[in-house]
Amino acid sequence: MDITARQARADDNPLTGTHKAIEDSRIPRVGTMIGAALWTRLVRRVVVALAITALLPLPSIADEQNLEAVAVRALRWAFYASNGYRWEYSGILVIHNGQLRYSASPDTLKQVDAVEIDVEKQRTPGDILVGLYHTHPCNPDEYFPQYFSPQDLVSAFFWHVPTFILDECTGEVHEFDPLRDRAADTGTVVRVLRKDGKRTWVRLPAGRVVGDIGDQGPDLSLIAQLMSQTTP
């Protein structure tokens, strides 16, 4: 795989979160008496809206930290599953009867670089989906275990919940929340060779490191190199 990093270019992209400025003709120009009056009313409405927002309950930081802590425990459990160091595992985070839970039996396709997150299959009646997670075995010569793939982001934006990955090379847990994170803020842009033989530039965000499972997986790339040298 031919992989070359370059600086990301800002453009309109739902994954990068960058936007171009667009003039809105609905906003009155301040230069006439009518425009000034309309602008004053608009400012008053904004002030009222902000005042109402200030009175609404905000998400608790403790709740966010609790979600991150449960995600770390879930990924640690998946890491210690059968062949967890060389197969990707996935699961979901849910609230059931007021309790935050993770998948008791994470799913796997028994592949090092692919896994399916079937929310409807893993969710039970009464579950409220609050997060997704999956592992990235340590295989740095083949892909980037510390970054979210485009497919990872698609799932997060589709379900409108945070997604977590485990980088088994370091043991660190990364989070990407589509409601607060932008893909353009972290990670890198790499050139990859697609299955059809064409090369394309892809943004791979790193998200935020929110925990550590306290363990690491073996370097599968190094193991493959050693096996190739000893195989006649």
Protein backbone atom coordinates (compact mmCIF):
# COMPACT_ATOMS: atom_id res chain seq x y z
CA MET A 1 0.00 0.00 0.00
CA ASP A 2 1.40 3.39 -1.06
CA ILE A 3 0.80 5.82 1.80
CA THR A 4 2.01 9.42 1.81
CA ALA A 5 0.94 12.12 4.25
CA ARG A 6 0.19 15.70 3.19
CA GLN A 7 -1.39 18.81 4.66
CA ALA A 8 -5.17 18.73 4.61
CA ARG A 9 -6.92 21.26 2.36
CA ALA A 10 -9.90 23.09 3.81
CA ASP A 11 -13.10 22.68 1.79
CA ASP A 12 -16.75 21.94 2.27
CA ASN A 13 -16.86 18.40 3.59
CA PRO A 14 -19.26 16.81 6.09
CA LEU A 15 -16.42 14.69 7.48
CA THR A 16 -13.81 17.43 7.89
CA GLY A 17 -16.33 19.87 9.31
CA THR A 18 -14.92 22.80 7.35
CA HIS A 19 -17.24 25.32 5.75
CA LYS A 20 -17.06 28.11 3.21
CA ALA A 21 -18.62 31.45 4.04
CA ILE A 22 -22.06 31.97 2.51
CA GLU A 23 -23.81 35.33 2.45
CA ASP A 24 -27.36 35.16 3.74
CA SER A 25 -29.68 37.70 2.12
CA ARG A 26 -32.17 37.22 4.96
CA ILE A 27 -29.93 39.20 7.34
CA PRO A 28 -30.81 42.92 6.93
CA ARG A 29 -28.07 45.37 6.07
CA VAL A 30 -27.47 48.08 8.68
CA GLY A 31 -27.48 51.30 6.72
CA THR A 32 -31.09 52.40 6.73
CA MET A 33 -33.64 53.07 9.43
CA ILE A 34 -35.60 49.95 8.43
CA GLY A 35 -32.46 47.84 8.36
CA ALA A 36 -31.38 49.11 11.77
CA ALA A 37 -34.80 48.34 13.25
CA LEU A 38 -34.79 44.82 11.83
CA TRP A 39 -31.27 44.27 13.08
CA THR A 40 -32.25 45.46 16.58
CA ARG A 41 -35.14 42.98 16.71
CA LEU A 42 -32.85 40.21 15.50
CA VAL A 43 -30.33 40.98 18.25
CA ARG A 44 -33.09 40.97 20.87
CA ARG A 45 -34.27 37.56 19.69
CA VAL A 46 -30.73 36.19 19.92
CA VAL A 47 -30.37 37.56 23.46
CA VAL A 48 -33.68 35.97 24.50
CA ALA A 49 -32.67 32.66 22.93
CA LEU A 50 -29.34 32.69 24.79
CA ALA A 51 -31.09 33.49 28.06
CA ILE A 52 -33.47 30.57 27.61
CA THR A 53 -30.58 28.28 26.72
CA ALA A 54 -28.76 29.29 29.89
CA LEU A 55 -31.71 28.09 31.95
CA LEU A 56 -31.84 24.67 30.27
CA PRO A 57 -30.00 21.76 31.91
CA LEU A 58 -26.63 21.07 30.30
CA PRO A 59 -25.07 17.60 29.89
CA SER A 60 -23.09 16.70 32.97
CA ILE A 61 -19.32 16.32 32.63
CA ALA A 62 -19.61 13.40 35.04
CA ASP A 63 -21.96 11.67 32.58
CA GLU A 64 -19.44 12.13 29.76
CA GLN A 65 -16.62 10.83 31.92
CA ASN A 66 -18.77 7.87 32.91
CA LEU A 67 -19.42 7.05 29.25
CA GLU A 68 -15.69 7.22 28.49
CA ALA A 69 -14.86 5.01 31.48
CA VAL A 70 -17.40 2.39 30.40
CA ALA A 71 -16.03 2.53 26.84
CA VAL A 72 -12.54 1.80 28.18
CA ARG A 73 -13.85 -1.19 30.14
CA ALA A 74 -15.76 -2.42 27.07
CA LEU A 75 -12.67 -2.23 24.87
CA ARG A 76 -10.56 -3.96 27.50
CA TRP A 77 -13.13 -6.78 27.58
CA ALA A 78 -13.05 -7.01 23.77
CA PHE A 79 -9.24 -7.01 23.76
CA TYR A 80 -9.18 -10.06 26.03
CA ALA A 81 -11.75 -11.93 23.93
CA SER A 82 -10.63 -14.96 21.92
CA ASN A 83 -7.88 -13.82 19.53
CA GLY A 84 -8.64 -10.23 20.47
CA TYR A 85 -5.06 -9.25 19.73
CA ARG A 86 -5.41 -10.18 16.04
CA TRP A 87 -9.12 -9.83 15.24
CA GLU A 88 -11.21 -6.69 15.31
CA TYR A 89 -14.12 -6.77 17.77
CA SER A 90 -17.04 -4.36 17.96
CA GLY A 91 -19.90 -3.55 20.32
CA ILE A 92 -22.32 -0.87 21.43
CA LEU A 93 -22.86 1.25 24.54
CA VAL A 94 -26.44 1.56 25.75
CA ILE A 95 -28.51 2.81 28.64
CA HIS A 96 -30.94 0.16 29.90
CA ASN A 97 -33.24 0.88 32.84
CA GLY A 98 -31.02 3.83 33.74
CA GLN A 99 -27.83 1.74 33.73
CA LEU A 100 -24.96 2.30 31.30
CA ARG A 101 -23.90 -1.01 29.73
CA TYR A 102 -21.71 -2.43 26.98
CA SER A 103 -22.03 -5.54 24.82
CA ALA A 104 -21.48 -8.70 26.84
CA SER A 105 -20.46 -10.56 23.66
CA PRO A 106 -18.73 -8.24 21.17
CA ASP A 107 -18.93 -9.21 17.49
CA THR A 108 -16.06 -10.18 15.20
CA LEU A 109 -15.58 -11.20 11.57
CA LYS A 110 -12.30 -12.91 12.53
CA GLN A 111 -10.35 -10.38 10.46
CA VAL A 112 -7.49 -8.10 11.41
CA ASP A 113 -8.74 -5.06 9.50
CA ALA A 114 -12.53 -5.32 9.30
CA VAL A 115 -15.52 -5.64 11.61
CA GLU A 116 -19.25 -5.03 11.40
CA ILE A 117 -21.12 -2.90 13.94
CA ASP A 118 -24.66 -4.25 13.74
CA VAL A 119 -26.52 -2.03 16.18
CA GLU A 120 -29.93 -3.62 15.69
CA LYS A 121 -28.48 -7.10 16.22
CA GLN A 122 -26.80 -6.17 19.51
CA ARG A 123 -29.48 -3.85 20.85
CA THR A 124 -32.26 -5.35 23.00
CA PRO A 125 -35.74 -3.92 23.73
CA GLY A 126 -35.48 -0.92 26.03
CA ASP A 127 -31.89 -0.09 25.10
CA ILE A 128 -30.98 3.53 24.33
CA LEU A 129 -27.92 3.68 22.08
CA VAL A 130 -25.28 6.10 23.40
CA GLY A 131 -22.04 4.92 21.77
CA LEU A 132 -20.16 2.57 19.43
CA TYR A 133 -16.77 0.93 19.89
CA HIS A 134 -14.35 -1.45 18.20
CA THR A 135 -10.73 -2.57 18.42
CA HIS A 136 -7.81 -1.94 16.06
CA PRO A 137 -5.19 -4.71 16.33
CA CYS A 138 -1.56 -3.59 16.15
CA ASN A 139 -0.70 -3.99 12.47
CA PRO A 140 1.00 -0.69 11.56
CA ASP A 141 2.43 -1.88 8.23
CA GLU A 142 -1.06 -2.51 6.86
CA TYR A 143 -3.15 0.33 8.30
CA PHE A 144 -3.31 3.00 11.01
CA PRO A 145 -4.60 1.63 14.35
CA GLN A 146 -4.48 5.09 15.99
CA TYR A 147 -6.88 6.72 13.50
CA PHE A 148 -10.58 6.50 12.69
CA SER A 149 -11.38 5.23 9.20
CA PRO A 150 -13.97 6.91 6.95
CA GLN A 151 -16.31 3.99 7.69
CA ASP A 152 -15.93 4.64 11.42
CA LEU A 153 -17.02 8.25 10.93
CA VAL A 154 -19.95 7.27 8.74
CA SER A 155 -21.29 5.04 11.54
CA ALA A 156 -20.88 7.80 14.14
CA PHE A 157 -22.66 10.40 12.01
CA PHE A 158 -25.40 7.95 11.02
CA TRP A 159 -26.26 7.01 14.63
CA HIS A 160 -25.44 10.47 16.07
CA VAL A 161 -23.41 8.97 18.95
CA PRO A 162 -19.72 8.99 19.95
CA THR A 163 -17.54 6.20 18.62
CA PHE A 164 -14.49 4.75 20.38
CA ILE A 165 -11.52 2.79 19.06
CA LEU A 166 -8.76 0.89 20.84
CA ASP A 167 -5.25 1.32 19.44
CA GLU A 168 -3.74 -1.99 20.49
CA CYS A 169 -0.21 -0.75 19.68
CA THR A 170 -0.42 1.65 22.62
CA GLY A 171 -3.46 0.52 24.62
CA GLU A 172 -4.99 3.99 24.25
CA VAL A 173 -8.71 4.56 23.69
CA HIS A 174 -9.68 7.29 21.22
CA GLU A 175 -13.07 9.00 21.03
CA PHE A 176 -14.74 10.84 18.16
CA ASP A 177 -18.02 12.57 18.97
CA PRO A 178 -19.80 13.91 15.86
CA LEU A 179 -21.54 16.53 18.01
CA ARG A 180 -18.32 18.14 19.28
CA ASP A 181 -15.33 16.90 17.25
CA ARG A 182 -14.19 17.81 13.75
CA ALA A 183 -12.22 15.39 11.59
CA ALA A 184 -10.00 18.22 10.35
CA ASP A 185 -8.75 19.04 13.86
CA THR A 186 -6.68 15.88 14.42
CA GLY A 187 -4.98 13.08 12.58
CA THR A 188 -3.55 13.29 9.08
CA VAL A 189 -4.33 12.99 5.39
CA VAL A 190 -2.84 9.94 3.68
CA ARG A 191 -2.67 8.67 0.13
CA VAL A 192 -4.04 5.16 -0.16
CA LEU A 193 -4.28 2.62 -2.94
CA ARG A 194 -7.87 1.52 -3.42
CA LYS A 195 -8.97 -1.95 -4.44
CA ASP A 196 -9.70 -0.70 -7.97
CA GLY A 197 -6.07 0.35 -8.36
CA LYS A 198 -6.69 4.10 -8.07
CA ARG A 199 -4.96 6.32 -5.53
CA THR A 200 -6.93 8.75 -3.38
CA TRP A 201 -6.37 11.13 -0.46
CA VAL A 202 -8.25 10.27 2.72
CA ARG A 203 -8.59 12.17 6.01
CA LEU A 204 -7.99 9.97 9.06
CA PRO A 205 -8.78 11.76 12.36
CA ALA A 206 -7.30 10.66 15.67
CA GLY A 207 -10.07 12.08 17.84
CA ARG A 208 -9.31 12.50 21.54
CA VAL A 209 -7.47 10.03 23.79
CA VAL A 210 -9.83 9.43 26.73
CA GLY A 211 -8.33 6.40 28.45
CA ASP A 212 -6.00 3.40 28.42
CA ILE A 213 -6.76 -0.30 28.92
CA GLY A 214 -3.41 -0.85 30.63
CA ASP A 215 -2.19 -3.42 28.10
CA GLN A 216 -0.92 -3.66 24.53
CA GLY A 217 -1.16 -6.15 21.71
CA PRO A 218 1.79 -7.67 19.85
CA ASP A 219 3.05 -6.02 16.67
CA LEU A 220 1.45 -8.25 14.03
CA SER A 221 3.49 -6.59 11.27
CA LEU A 222 6.73 -7.58 13.00
CA ILE A 223 5.47 -11.12 13.56
CA ALA A 224 4.60 -11.42 9.86
CA GLN A 225 8.10 -10.22 8.90
CA LEU A 226 9.76 -12.76 11.21
CA MET A 227 7.59 -15.58 9.88
CA SER A 228 8.41 -14.67 6.27
CA GLN A 229 12.13 -14.81 7.07
CA THR A 230 11.93 -18.22 8.70
CA THR A 231 9.60 -19.82 6.14
CA PRO A 232 11.56 -21.80 3.53
